[in-house]
N, C-alpha and C. Protein backbone atom coordinates (compact mmCIF):
# COMPACT_ATOMS: atom_id res chain seq x y z
N MET A 1 -16.87 -30.07 -29.96
CA MET A 1 -15.60 -30.71 -29.65
C MET A 1 -15.82 -32.22 -29.56
N LYS A 2 -15.00 -32.98 -30.25
CA LYS A 2 -15.12 -34.43 -30.28
C LYS A 2 -14.41 -35.03 -29.07
N ILE A 3 -15.11 -35.91 -28.37
CA ILE A 3 -14.52 -36.60 -27.22
C ILE A 3 -13.76 -37.80 -27.74
N PRO A 4 -12.47 -37.94 -27.38
CA PRO A 4 -11.71 -39.06 -27.90
C PRO A 4 -12.21 -40.37 -27.31
N SER A 5 -12.23 -41.40 -28.13
CA SER A 5 -12.65 -42.71 -27.67
C SER A 5 -11.52 -43.34 -26.85
N ASP A 6 -11.81 -44.46 -26.23
CA ASP A 6 -10.79 -45.16 -25.44
C ASP A 6 -9.60 -45.55 -26.30
N ASP A 7 -9.88 -46.01 -27.54
CA ASP A 7 -8.79 -46.41 -28.43
C ASP A 7 -7.88 -45.23 -28.75
N GLU A 8 -8.46 -44.06 -29.00
CA GLU A 8 -7.65 -42.89 -29.31
C GLU A 8 -6.80 -42.48 -28.11
N ALA A 9 -7.37 -42.61 -26.91
CA ALA A 9 -6.61 -42.26 -25.70
C ALA A 9 -5.44 -43.22 -25.51
N ILE A 10 -5.65 -44.49 -25.80
CA ILE A 10 -4.58 -45.47 -25.64
C ILE A 10 -3.52 -45.28 -26.72
N LEU A 11 -3.95 -45.00 -27.94
CA LEU A 11 -2.98 -44.76 -29.02
C LEU A 11 -2.13 -43.52 -28.75
N ALA A 12 -2.63 -42.61 -27.90
CA ALA A 12 -1.90 -41.38 -27.59
C ALA A 12 -0.88 -41.58 -26.46
N ILE A 13 -0.89 -42.71 -25.78
CA ILE A 13 0.05 -42.95 -24.67
C ILE A 13 1.46 -43.08 -25.24
N GLU A 14 2.37 -42.27 -24.70
CA GLU A 14 3.76 -42.33 -25.14
C GLU A 14 4.74 -42.45 -23.98
N ARG A 15 4.33 -41.97 -22.79
CA ARG A 15 5.24 -41.95 -21.64
C ARG A 15 4.57 -42.60 -20.43
N PRO A 16 5.36 -43.12 -19.51
CA PRO A 16 4.78 -43.64 -18.27
C PRO A 16 4.29 -42.50 -17.39
N HIS A 17 3.42 -42.83 -16.46
CA HIS A 17 2.90 -41.84 -15.52
C HIS A 17 4.03 -41.42 -14.56
N PRO A 18 4.03 -40.16 -14.09
CA PRO A 18 5.07 -39.72 -13.15
C PRO A 18 5.13 -40.54 -11.85
N SER A 19 4.08 -41.24 -11.51
CA SER A 19 4.11 -42.09 -10.31
C SER A 19 5.14 -43.21 -10.44
N LEU A 20 5.52 -43.55 -11.65
CA LEU A 20 6.54 -44.59 -11.83
C LEU A 20 7.86 -44.13 -11.24
N TRP A 21 8.20 -42.85 -11.41
CA TRP A 21 9.44 -42.33 -10.84
C TRP A 21 9.37 -42.41 -9.32
N THR A 22 8.22 -42.13 -8.74
CA THR A 22 8.04 -42.26 -7.29
C THR A 22 8.23 -43.72 -6.87
N TYR A 23 7.70 -44.63 -7.65
CA TYR A 23 7.87 -46.05 -7.35
C TYR A 23 9.34 -46.44 -7.41
N TYR A 24 10.05 -45.98 -8.43
CA TYR A 24 11.48 -46.28 -8.52
C TYR A 24 12.22 -45.78 -7.27
N TRP A 25 11.92 -44.54 -6.85
CA TRP A 25 12.56 -43.98 -5.65
C TRP A 25 12.27 -44.83 -4.43
N MET A 26 11.00 -45.21 -4.26
CA MET A 26 10.62 -45.99 -3.08
C MET A 26 11.27 -47.36 -3.09
N SER A 27 11.39 -47.96 -4.26
CA SER A 27 12.03 -49.28 -4.33
C SER A 27 13.54 -49.17 -4.09
N LEU A 28 14.15 -48.05 -4.44
CA LEU A 28 15.58 -47.87 -4.20
C LEU A 28 15.87 -47.55 -2.74
N LEU A 29 14.91 -46.98 -2.04
CA LEU A 29 15.12 -46.66 -0.63
C LEU A 29 15.15 -47.90 0.26
N VAL A 30 14.78 -49.03 -0.28
CA VAL A 30 14.85 -50.28 0.47
C VAL A 30 16.31 -50.63 0.76
N PHE A 31 17.22 -50.28 -0.15
CA PHE A 31 18.65 -50.54 0.01
C PHE A 31 19.41 -49.21 -0.01
N PRO A 32 19.37 -48.43 1.08
CA PRO A 32 20.00 -47.10 1.09
C PRO A 32 21.48 -47.08 0.70
N PRO A 33 22.29 -48.08 1.08
CA PRO A 33 23.70 -47.99 0.66
C PRO A 33 23.88 -48.08 -0.86
N LEU A 34 22.94 -48.74 -1.55
CA LEU A 34 23.08 -48.88 -3.00
C LEU A 34 22.41 -47.75 -3.78
N LEU A 35 21.76 -46.83 -3.07
CA LEU A 35 21.05 -45.74 -3.74
C LEU A 35 21.92 -44.94 -4.71
N PRO A 36 23.14 -44.52 -4.33
CA PRO A 36 23.95 -43.75 -5.29
C PRO A 36 24.30 -44.52 -6.57
N ILE A 37 24.36 -45.84 -6.47
CA ILE A 37 24.72 -46.64 -7.64
C ILE A 37 23.50 -46.93 -8.50
N LEU A 38 22.38 -47.25 -7.87
CA LEU A 38 21.19 -47.68 -8.61
C LEU A 38 20.30 -46.53 -9.09
N ILE A 39 20.53 -45.33 -8.58
CA ILE A 39 19.66 -44.22 -8.97
C ILE A 39 19.85 -43.81 -10.43
N LEU A 40 21.08 -43.91 -10.94
CA LEU A 40 21.32 -43.51 -12.34
C LEU A 40 20.62 -44.42 -13.34
N PRO A 41 20.73 -45.75 -13.23
CA PRO A 41 19.98 -46.58 -14.18
C PRO A 41 18.47 -46.36 -14.10
N ALA A 42 17.94 -46.19 -12.88
CA ALA A 42 16.50 -45.95 -12.73
C ALA A 42 16.11 -44.61 -13.35
N TYR A 43 16.95 -43.58 -13.12
CA TYR A 43 16.67 -42.26 -13.68
C TYR A 43 16.63 -42.32 -15.21
N PHE A 44 17.65 -42.92 -15.81
CA PHE A 44 17.70 -42.98 -17.27
C PHE A 44 16.60 -43.87 -17.84
N ARG A 45 16.27 -44.95 -17.15
CA ARG A 45 15.17 -45.80 -17.64
C ARG A 45 13.87 -45.02 -17.65
N TYR A 46 13.57 -44.32 -16.54
CA TYR A 46 12.31 -43.58 -16.48
C TYR A 46 12.26 -42.48 -17.53
N HIS A 47 13.33 -41.72 -17.68
CA HIS A 47 13.31 -40.57 -18.59
C HIS A 47 13.44 -40.94 -20.06
N THR A 48 13.85 -42.16 -20.37
CA THR A 48 13.95 -42.56 -21.78
C THR A 48 12.87 -43.56 -22.19
N LEU A 49 12.05 -43.99 -21.24
CA LEU A 49 11.02 -44.98 -21.52
C LEU A 49 9.93 -44.38 -22.40
N ARG A 50 9.67 -45.02 -23.55
CA ARG A 50 8.66 -44.56 -24.50
C ARG A 50 7.82 -45.74 -24.97
N TYR A 51 6.53 -45.47 -25.14
CA TYR A 51 5.60 -46.46 -25.68
C TYR A 51 5.03 -45.92 -26.97
N LYS A 52 4.68 -46.83 -27.87
CA LYS A 52 4.00 -46.43 -29.09
C LYS A 52 3.00 -47.51 -29.47
N PHE A 53 1.72 -47.14 -29.46
CA PHE A 53 0.65 -48.04 -29.87
C PHE A 53 0.26 -47.63 -31.29
N THR A 54 0.27 -48.59 -32.21
CA THR A 54 -0.12 -48.31 -33.59
C THR A 54 -1.25 -49.26 -33.98
N GLY A 55 -1.67 -49.20 -35.22
CA GLY A 55 -2.70 -50.09 -35.71
C GLY A 55 -2.21 -51.52 -35.87
N GLU A 56 -0.89 -51.72 -36.01
CA GLU A 56 -0.34 -53.05 -36.22
C GLU A 56 0.24 -53.67 -34.97
N GLY A 57 0.73 -52.85 -34.03
CA GLY A 57 1.39 -53.42 -32.86
C GLY A 57 1.75 -52.38 -31.84
N ILE A 58 2.57 -52.81 -30.91
CA ILE A 58 3.01 -51.97 -29.81
C ILE A 58 4.52 -52.03 -29.73
N SER A 59 5.13 -50.89 -29.39
CA SER A 59 6.58 -50.88 -29.22
C SER A 59 6.93 -50.16 -27.92
N MET A 60 8.06 -50.55 -27.38
CA MET A 60 8.56 -49.95 -26.15
C MET A 60 10.05 -49.78 -26.32
N SER A 61 10.57 -48.61 -25.96
CA SER A 61 12.01 -48.37 -26.09
C SER A 61 12.50 -47.62 -24.85
N TRP A 62 13.77 -47.83 -24.52
CA TRP A 62 14.40 -47.15 -23.40
C TRP A 62 15.90 -47.29 -23.52
N GLY A 63 16.62 -46.46 -22.78
CA GLY A 63 18.08 -46.55 -22.71
C GLY A 63 18.78 -45.40 -23.38
N ILE A 64 20.01 -45.12 -22.89
CA ILE A 64 20.86 -44.08 -23.48
C ILE A 64 22.08 -44.71 -24.10
N LEU A 65 22.91 -45.35 -23.31
CA LEU A 65 24.11 -46.00 -23.85
C LEU A 65 23.75 -47.26 -24.61
N PHE A 66 22.89 -48.06 -24.03
CA PHE A 66 22.45 -49.29 -24.66
C PHE A 66 20.95 -49.16 -24.91
N ARG A 67 20.62 -48.71 -26.09
CA ARG A 67 19.22 -48.47 -26.46
C ARG A 67 18.53 -49.79 -26.76
N ARG A 68 17.39 -50.01 -26.14
CA ARG A 68 16.61 -51.24 -26.38
C ARG A 68 15.26 -50.85 -26.93
N GLU A 69 14.78 -51.66 -27.85
CA GLU A 69 13.44 -51.45 -28.41
C GLU A 69 12.82 -52.81 -28.66
N ILE A 70 11.57 -52.94 -28.22
CA ILE A 70 10.82 -54.17 -28.42
C ILE A 70 9.56 -53.82 -29.19
N ILE A 71 9.33 -54.52 -30.29
CA ILE A 71 8.14 -54.30 -31.12
C ILE A 71 7.39 -55.62 -31.22
N ILE A 72 6.11 -55.59 -30.92
CA ILE A 72 5.29 -56.80 -30.98
C ILE A 72 4.03 -56.49 -31.78
N ASN A 73 3.77 -57.31 -32.80
CA ASN A 73 2.51 -57.20 -33.54
C ASN A 73 1.39 -57.77 -32.70
N TYR A 74 0.20 -57.20 -32.82
CA TYR A 74 -0.94 -57.68 -32.05
C TYR A 74 -1.24 -59.15 -32.36
N ALA A 75 -1.00 -59.57 -33.58
CA ALA A 75 -1.30 -60.95 -33.97
C ALA A 75 -0.40 -61.96 -33.23
N ARG A 76 0.77 -61.53 -32.77
CA ARG A 76 1.70 -62.42 -32.06
C ARG A 76 1.38 -62.57 -30.58
N ILE A 77 0.55 -61.70 -30.04
CA ILE A 77 0.26 -61.73 -28.60
C ILE A 77 -0.54 -62.98 -28.27
N GLN A 78 -0.07 -63.72 -27.28
CA GLN A 78 -0.75 -64.93 -26.83
C GLN A 78 -1.53 -64.69 -25.55
N ASP A 79 -0.97 -63.93 -24.62
CA ASP A 79 -1.63 -63.72 -23.34
C ASP A 79 -1.19 -62.40 -22.73
N ILE A 80 -2.03 -61.86 -21.85
CA ILE A 80 -1.77 -60.59 -21.19
C ILE A 80 -2.05 -60.78 -19.70
N HIS A 81 -1.11 -60.37 -18.87
CA HIS A 81 -1.26 -60.47 -17.42
C HIS A 81 -1.08 -59.10 -16.79
N LEU A 82 -1.76 -58.87 -15.68
CA LEU A 82 -1.57 -57.67 -14.88
C LEU A 82 -0.90 -58.10 -13.58
N ARG A 83 0.13 -57.37 -13.16
CA ARG A 83 0.84 -57.71 -11.93
C ARG A 83 1.19 -56.42 -11.21
N SER A 84 0.94 -56.41 -9.90
CA SER A 84 1.33 -55.25 -9.10
C SER A 84 1.59 -55.68 -7.67
N ASN A 85 2.53 -54.99 -7.04
CA ASN A 85 2.80 -55.25 -5.62
C ASN A 85 2.05 -54.20 -4.80
N VAL A 86 2.26 -54.21 -3.51
CA VAL A 86 1.53 -53.31 -2.61
C VAL A 86 1.82 -51.85 -2.93
N VAL A 87 3.08 -51.52 -3.14
CA VAL A 87 3.46 -50.13 -3.41
C VAL A 87 2.88 -49.67 -4.74
N GLU A 88 2.94 -50.52 -5.75
CA GLU A 88 2.37 -50.14 -7.06
C GLU A 88 0.87 -49.92 -6.95
N ARG A 89 0.18 -50.78 -6.22
CA ARG A 89 -1.27 -50.59 -6.04
C ARG A 89 -1.56 -49.30 -5.29
N TRP A 90 -0.74 -48.97 -4.30
CA TRP A 90 -0.92 -47.74 -3.55
C TRP A 90 -0.75 -46.51 -4.45
N LEU A 91 0.16 -46.61 -5.41
CA LEU A 91 0.40 -45.52 -6.36
C LEU A 91 -0.56 -45.57 -7.56
N GLY A 92 -1.36 -46.63 -7.67
CA GLY A 92 -2.31 -46.76 -8.78
C GLY A 92 -1.68 -47.30 -10.05
N LEU A 93 -0.55 -47.97 -9.92
CA LEU A 93 0.16 -48.51 -11.08
C LEU A 93 0.04 -50.02 -11.15
N THR A 94 0.18 -50.55 -12.33
CA THR A 94 0.22 -51.99 -12.55
C THR A 94 1.11 -52.28 -13.74
N LYS A 95 1.83 -53.39 -13.68
CA LYS A 95 2.64 -53.83 -14.83
C LYS A 95 1.76 -54.68 -15.72
N ILE A 96 1.82 -54.44 -17.02
CA ILE A 96 1.10 -55.24 -18.00
C ILE A 96 2.13 -56.13 -18.68
N LEU A 97 2.01 -57.43 -18.46
CA LEU A 97 2.95 -58.39 -19.03
C LEU A 97 2.34 -58.97 -20.29
N VAL A 98 3.00 -58.76 -21.41
CA VAL A 98 2.53 -59.24 -22.71
C VAL A 98 3.38 -60.42 -23.12
N GLN A 99 2.73 -61.57 -23.35
CA GLN A 99 3.45 -62.78 -23.72
C GLN A 99 3.14 -63.17 -25.15
N THR A 100 4.16 -63.69 -25.82
CA THR A 100 4.01 -64.19 -27.19
C THR A 100 4.36 -65.67 -27.19
N ALA A 101 4.28 -66.28 -28.34
CA ALA A 101 4.61 -67.70 -28.47
C ALA A 101 6.08 -67.88 -28.80
N SER A 102 6.94 -67.10 -28.18
CA SER A 102 8.37 -67.15 -28.48
C SER A 102 9.08 -68.31 -27.78
N GLY A 103 8.38 -69.00 -26.89
CA GLY A 103 9.01 -70.09 -26.18
C GLY A 103 9.68 -69.65 -24.90
N ASN A 104 9.67 -68.36 -24.65
CA ASN A 104 10.25 -67.81 -23.44
C ASN A 104 9.22 -67.87 -22.32
N ALA A 105 9.61 -68.30 -21.13
CA ALA A 105 8.67 -68.42 -20.02
C ALA A 105 8.27 -67.06 -19.46
N SER A 106 9.13 -66.08 -19.58
CA SER A 106 8.81 -64.75 -19.06
C SER A 106 8.09 -63.92 -20.12
N ALA A 107 7.64 -62.75 -19.71
CA ALA A 107 6.92 -61.87 -20.64
C ALA A 107 7.88 -61.30 -21.67
N GLU A 108 7.39 -61.17 -22.88
CA GLU A 108 8.18 -60.59 -23.97
C GLU A 108 8.28 -59.07 -23.80
N LEU A 109 7.22 -58.48 -23.25
CA LEU A 109 7.15 -57.04 -23.10
C LEU A 109 6.44 -56.74 -21.79
N THR A 110 7.00 -55.82 -20.99
CA THR A 110 6.37 -55.42 -19.74
C THR A 110 6.12 -53.92 -19.79
N LEU A 111 4.86 -53.54 -19.87
CA LEU A 111 4.48 -52.13 -19.85
C LEU A 111 4.32 -51.72 -18.40
N GLU A 112 5.07 -50.72 -17.98
CA GLU A 112 4.98 -50.29 -16.59
C GLU A 112 4.74 -48.79 -16.53
N GLY A 113 4.18 -48.36 -15.42
CA GLY A 113 3.94 -46.93 -15.22
C GLY A 113 2.67 -46.44 -15.87
N LEU A 114 1.69 -47.31 -16.08
CA LEU A 114 0.43 -46.91 -16.69
C LEU A 114 -0.69 -46.95 -15.66
N LYS A 115 -1.43 -45.86 -15.56
CA LYS A 115 -2.57 -45.82 -14.63
C LYS A 115 -3.82 -46.40 -15.27
N GLU A 116 -3.93 -46.33 -16.59
CA GLU A 116 -5.11 -46.84 -17.30
C GLU A 116 -4.88 -48.27 -17.77
N PHE A 117 -4.39 -49.10 -16.86
CA PHE A 117 -3.98 -50.47 -17.20
C PHE A 117 -5.13 -51.35 -17.65
N GLU A 118 -6.32 -51.18 -17.07
CA GLU A 118 -7.44 -52.03 -17.47
C GLU A 118 -7.89 -51.72 -18.89
N SER A 119 -7.95 -50.45 -19.25
CA SER A 119 -8.35 -50.12 -20.62
C SER A 119 -7.26 -50.52 -21.62
N VAL A 120 -5.99 -50.44 -21.24
CA VAL A 120 -4.91 -50.89 -22.12
C VAL A 120 -5.00 -52.40 -22.31
N ARG A 121 -5.26 -53.14 -21.22
CA ARG A 121 -5.41 -54.59 -21.33
C ARG A 121 -6.57 -54.95 -22.25
N ASP A 122 -7.72 -54.29 -22.08
CA ASP A 122 -8.88 -54.56 -22.94
C ASP A 122 -8.59 -54.20 -24.39
N PHE A 123 -7.87 -53.09 -24.60
CA PHE A 123 -7.49 -52.68 -25.95
C PHE A 123 -6.61 -53.75 -26.61
N LEU A 124 -5.62 -54.25 -25.85
CA LEU A 124 -4.72 -55.27 -26.40
C LEU A 124 -5.47 -56.56 -26.69
N TYR A 125 -6.39 -56.95 -25.80
CA TYR A 125 -7.19 -58.15 -26.06
C TYR A 125 -8.02 -57.99 -27.32
N SER A 126 -8.63 -56.83 -27.50
CA SER A 126 -9.45 -56.63 -28.69
C SER A 126 -8.61 -56.64 -29.95
N LYS A 127 -7.40 -56.09 -29.88
CA LYS A 127 -6.53 -56.08 -31.06
C LYS A 127 -5.97 -57.47 -31.37
N MET A 128 -5.64 -58.23 -30.33
CA MET A 128 -5.04 -59.54 -30.58
C MET A 128 -6.07 -60.52 -31.12
N ARG A 129 -7.33 -60.31 -30.82
CA ARG A 129 -8.37 -61.21 -31.30
C ARG A 129 -9.11 -60.65 -32.50
N GLY A 130 -8.84 -59.41 -32.86
CA GLY A 130 -9.51 -58.83 -34.01
C GLY A 130 -10.95 -58.46 -33.75
N VAL A 131 -11.29 -58.21 -32.48
CA VAL A 131 -12.67 -57.88 -32.13
C VAL A 131 -12.92 -56.42 -32.45
N LYS A 132 -14.07 -56.14 -32.99
CA LYS A 132 -14.48 -54.77 -33.28
C LYS A 132 -15.59 -54.38 -32.31
N ASP A 133 -15.64 -53.12 -31.93
CA ASP A 133 -16.67 -52.66 -31.00
C ASP A 133 -18.02 -52.51 -31.67
N HIS A 134 -18.03 -52.25 -32.95
CA HIS A 134 -19.30 -52.05 -33.63
C HIS A 134 -19.79 -53.37 -34.24
N PRO A 135 -21.10 -53.60 -34.20
CA PRO A 135 -21.61 -54.85 -34.79
C PRO A 135 -21.41 -54.83 -36.30
N SER A 136 -21.07 -55.98 -36.83
CA SER A 136 -20.84 -56.05 -38.26
C SER A 136 -22.15 -56.28 -38.99
N ALA A 137 -22.21 -55.83 -40.22
CA ALA A 137 -23.40 -56.01 -41.05
C ALA A 137 -23.50 -57.49 -41.44
N PRO A 138 -24.71 -58.00 -41.59
CA PRO A 138 -24.82 -59.41 -41.99
C PRO A 138 -24.20 -59.63 -43.36
N ALA A 139 -23.62 -60.78 -43.52
CA ALA A 139 -22.96 -61.11 -44.79
C ALA A 139 -24.03 -61.27 -45.87
N PRO A 140 -23.76 -60.74 -47.06
CA PRO A 140 -24.75 -60.88 -48.13
C PRO A 140 -24.87 -62.34 -48.57
N ILE A 141 -26.06 -62.70 -48.96
CA ILE A 141 -26.30 -64.06 -49.45
C ILE A 141 -25.73 -64.15 -50.85
N PRO A 142 -24.82 -65.11 -51.06
CA PRO A 142 -24.18 -65.19 -52.39
C PRO A 142 -25.19 -65.67 -53.43
N THR A 143 -25.07 -65.07 -54.59
CA THR A 143 -25.92 -65.49 -55.71
C THR A 143 -25.16 -66.52 -56.52
N VAL A 144 -25.87 -67.52 -56.99
CA VAL A 144 -25.24 -68.59 -57.76
C VAL A 144 -25.46 -68.31 -59.24
N PRO A 145 -24.37 -68.18 -59.99
CA PRO A 145 -24.52 -67.95 -61.43
C PRO A 145 -25.15 -69.17 -62.12
N ALA A 146 -25.71 -68.93 -63.30
CA ALA A 146 -26.37 -70.00 -64.06
C ALA A 146 -25.38 -71.11 -64.43
N ALA A 147 -24.12 -70.76 -64.67
CA ALA A 147 -23.11 -71.76 -65.03
C ALA A 147 -22.93 -72.76 -63.89
N ASP A 148 -23.03 -72.30 -62.62
CA ASP A 148 -22.90 -73.21 -61.49
C ASP A 148 -24.07 -74.18 -61.42
N HIS A 149 -25.27 -73.72 -61.80
CA HIS A 149 -26.42 -74.62 -61.83
C HIS A 149 -26.22 -75.72 -62.88
N GLU A 150 -25.68 -75.33 -64.03
CA GLU A 150 -25.41 -76.31 -65.09
C GLU A 150 -24.35 -77.31 -64.64
N LEU A 151 -23.32 -76.83 -63.96
CA LEU A 151 -22.25 -77.70 -63.47
C LEU A 151 -22.80 -78.69 -62.45
N ALA A 152 -23.64 -78.22 -61.55
CA ALA A 152 -24.24 -79.10 -60.54
C ALA A 152 -25.11 -80.16 -61.21
N ALA A 153 -25.87 -79.79 -62.21
CA ALA A 153 -26.72 -80.77 -62.91
C ALA A 153 -25.87 -81.81 -63.62
N THR A 154 -24.77 -81.38 -64.23
CA THR A 154 -23.88 -82.30 -64.93
C THR A 154 -23.23 -83.27 -63.94
N LEU A 155 -22.79 -82.75 -62.79
CA LEU A 155 -22.18 -83.61 -61.78
C LEU A 155 -23.18 -84.63 -61.24
N ARG A 156 -24.43 -84.23 -61.04
CA ARG A 156 -25.45 -85.18 -60.60
C ARG A 156 -25.66 -86.28 -61.64
N GLU A 157 -25.65 -85.90 -62.91
CA GLU A 157 -25.81 -86.87 -64.00
C GLU A 157 -24.64 -87.85 -64.02
N VAL A 158 -23.41 -87.37 -63.87
CA VAL A 158 -22.22 -88.23 -63.86
C VAL A 158 -22.28 -89.17 -62.66
N ALA A 159 -22.68 -88.67 -61.48
CA ALA A 159 -22.79 -89.52 -60.30
C ALA A 159 -23.83 -90.62 -60.52
N GLY A 160 -24.94 -90.30 -61.16
CA GLY A 160 -25.97 -91.31 -61.45
C GLY A 160 -25.45 -92.39 -62.39
N GLU A 161 -24.68 -92.00 -63.41
CA GLU A 161 -24.12 -92.98 -64.33
C GLU A 161 -23.10 -93.88 -63.63
N LEU A 162 -22.26 -93.32 -62.77
CA LEU A 162 -21.29 -94.13 -62.03
C LEU A 162 -21.99 -95.12 -61.11
N ARG A 163 -23.06 -94.70 -60.49
CA ARG A 163 -23.83 -95.59 -59.61
C ARG A 163 -24.40 -96.75 -60.42
N ALA A 164 -24.93 -96.44 -61.63
CA ALA A 164 -25.50 -97.50 -62.48
C ALA A 164 -24.43 -98.48 -62.94
N ILE A 165 -23.23 -97.99 -63.27
CA ILE A 165 -22.13 -98.87 -63.68
C ILE A 165 -21.71 -99.77 -62.52
N ARG A 166 -21.61 -99.21 -61.32
CA ARG A 166 -21.22 -99.99 -60.16
C ARG A 166 -22.22 -101.11 -59.87
N LEU A 167 -23.50 -100.81 -60.03
CA LEU A 167 -24.53 -101.83 -59.79
C LEU A 167 -24.52 -102.90 -60.89
N ALA A 168 -24.12 -102.53 -62.12
CA ALA A 168 -24.11 -103.48 -63.23
C ALA A 168 -22.92 -104.43 -63.15
N LEU A 169 -21.84 -104.07 -62.51
CA LEU A 169 -20.66 -104.94 -62.40
C LEU A 169 -20.92 -106.07 -61.41
N PRO A 170 -20.31 -107.24 -61.69
CA PRO A 170 -20.47 -108.35 -60.74
C PRO A 170 -19.71 -108.02 -59.44
N PRO A 171 -20.17 -108.54 -58.32
CA PRO A 171 -19.48 -108.26 -57.05
C PRO A 171 -18.09 -108.88 -57.03
N ARG A 172 -17.18 -108.25 -56.30
CA ARG A 172 -15.81 -108.73 -56.19
C ARG A 172 -15.76 -109.91 -55.22
N PRO A 173 -14.86 -110.86 -55.52
CA PRO A 173 -14.69 -111.95 -54.55
C PRO A 173 -14.00 -111.41 -53.29
N PRO A 174 -14.30 -111.99 -52.13
CA PRO A 174 -13.64 -111.51 -50.90
C PRO A 174 -12.14 -111.76 -50.97
N THR A 175 -11.37 -110.85 -50.44
CA THR A 175 -9.91 -110.99 -50.45
C THR A 175 -9.46 -111.62 -49.15
N ARG A 176 -8.41 -112.41 -49.28
CA ARG A 176 -7.81 -113.04 -48.11
C ARG A 176 -6.74 -112.11 -47.56
N SER A 177 -6.80 -111.80 -46.27
CA SER A 177 -5.81 -110.88 -45.70
C SER A 177 -4.94 -111.62 -44.70
N GLY A 178 -3.79 -111.07 -44.46
CA GLY A 178 -2.87 -111.63 -43.48
C GLY A 178 -1.92 -112.64 -44.04
N GLY A 179 -1.93 -112.92 -45.34
CA GLY A 179 -1.02 -113.89 -45.95
C GLY A 179 0.36 -113.31 -46.15
N PRO A 180 1.34 -114.17 -46.48
CA PRO A 180 2.73 -113.67 -46.67
C PRO A 180 2.90 -112.82 -47.91
N ASN A 181 2.01 -112.96 -48.92
CA ASN A 181 2.16 -112.20 -50.16
C ASN A 181 1.41 -110.88 -50.11
N ASP A 182 0.69 -110.61 -49.03
CA ASP A 182 -0.04 -109.34 -48.92
C ASP A 182 0.93 -108.21 -48.61
N VAL A 183 0.69 -107.10 -49.21
CA VAL A 183 1.54 -105.94 -48.98
C VAL A 183 0.78 -104.90 -48.23
């Protein structure tokens, strides 16, 4: 049986951890009178929240009436931040804030409800920088065709002739600068 690598485990993430729903409940209990109003948006956000990690980028979608989807290519990622409050840390959750060069001061994408936040952050850093886990083979030494040797010899000959012509010419008189006719 093949053990999946960290990358395969991250590419398989599609839903937030169930602790996110607990976090939503706990955050709504701070304002008990608003609980009946705010519980529906939190419920629908949690149950429709989907992530998709691909070879080119990451996408996040949520919503029922107003469906939202954010897709970011790894090449566009500028910075990644981890943020969590006391309750999120107690539940083992952290928000991953992904920023791009869009000119927006806030994060372009916020991944929430993930327990494996450190490995996701490392995965995103490796993808945004193009880092590979395996060492690359040394680059082969390029061979120079015979035509390039002939071209180099010809260019050296032309440079020598130009040098000889420059030395054979009389020196230029010094130019006067700063006059009204100078351009």
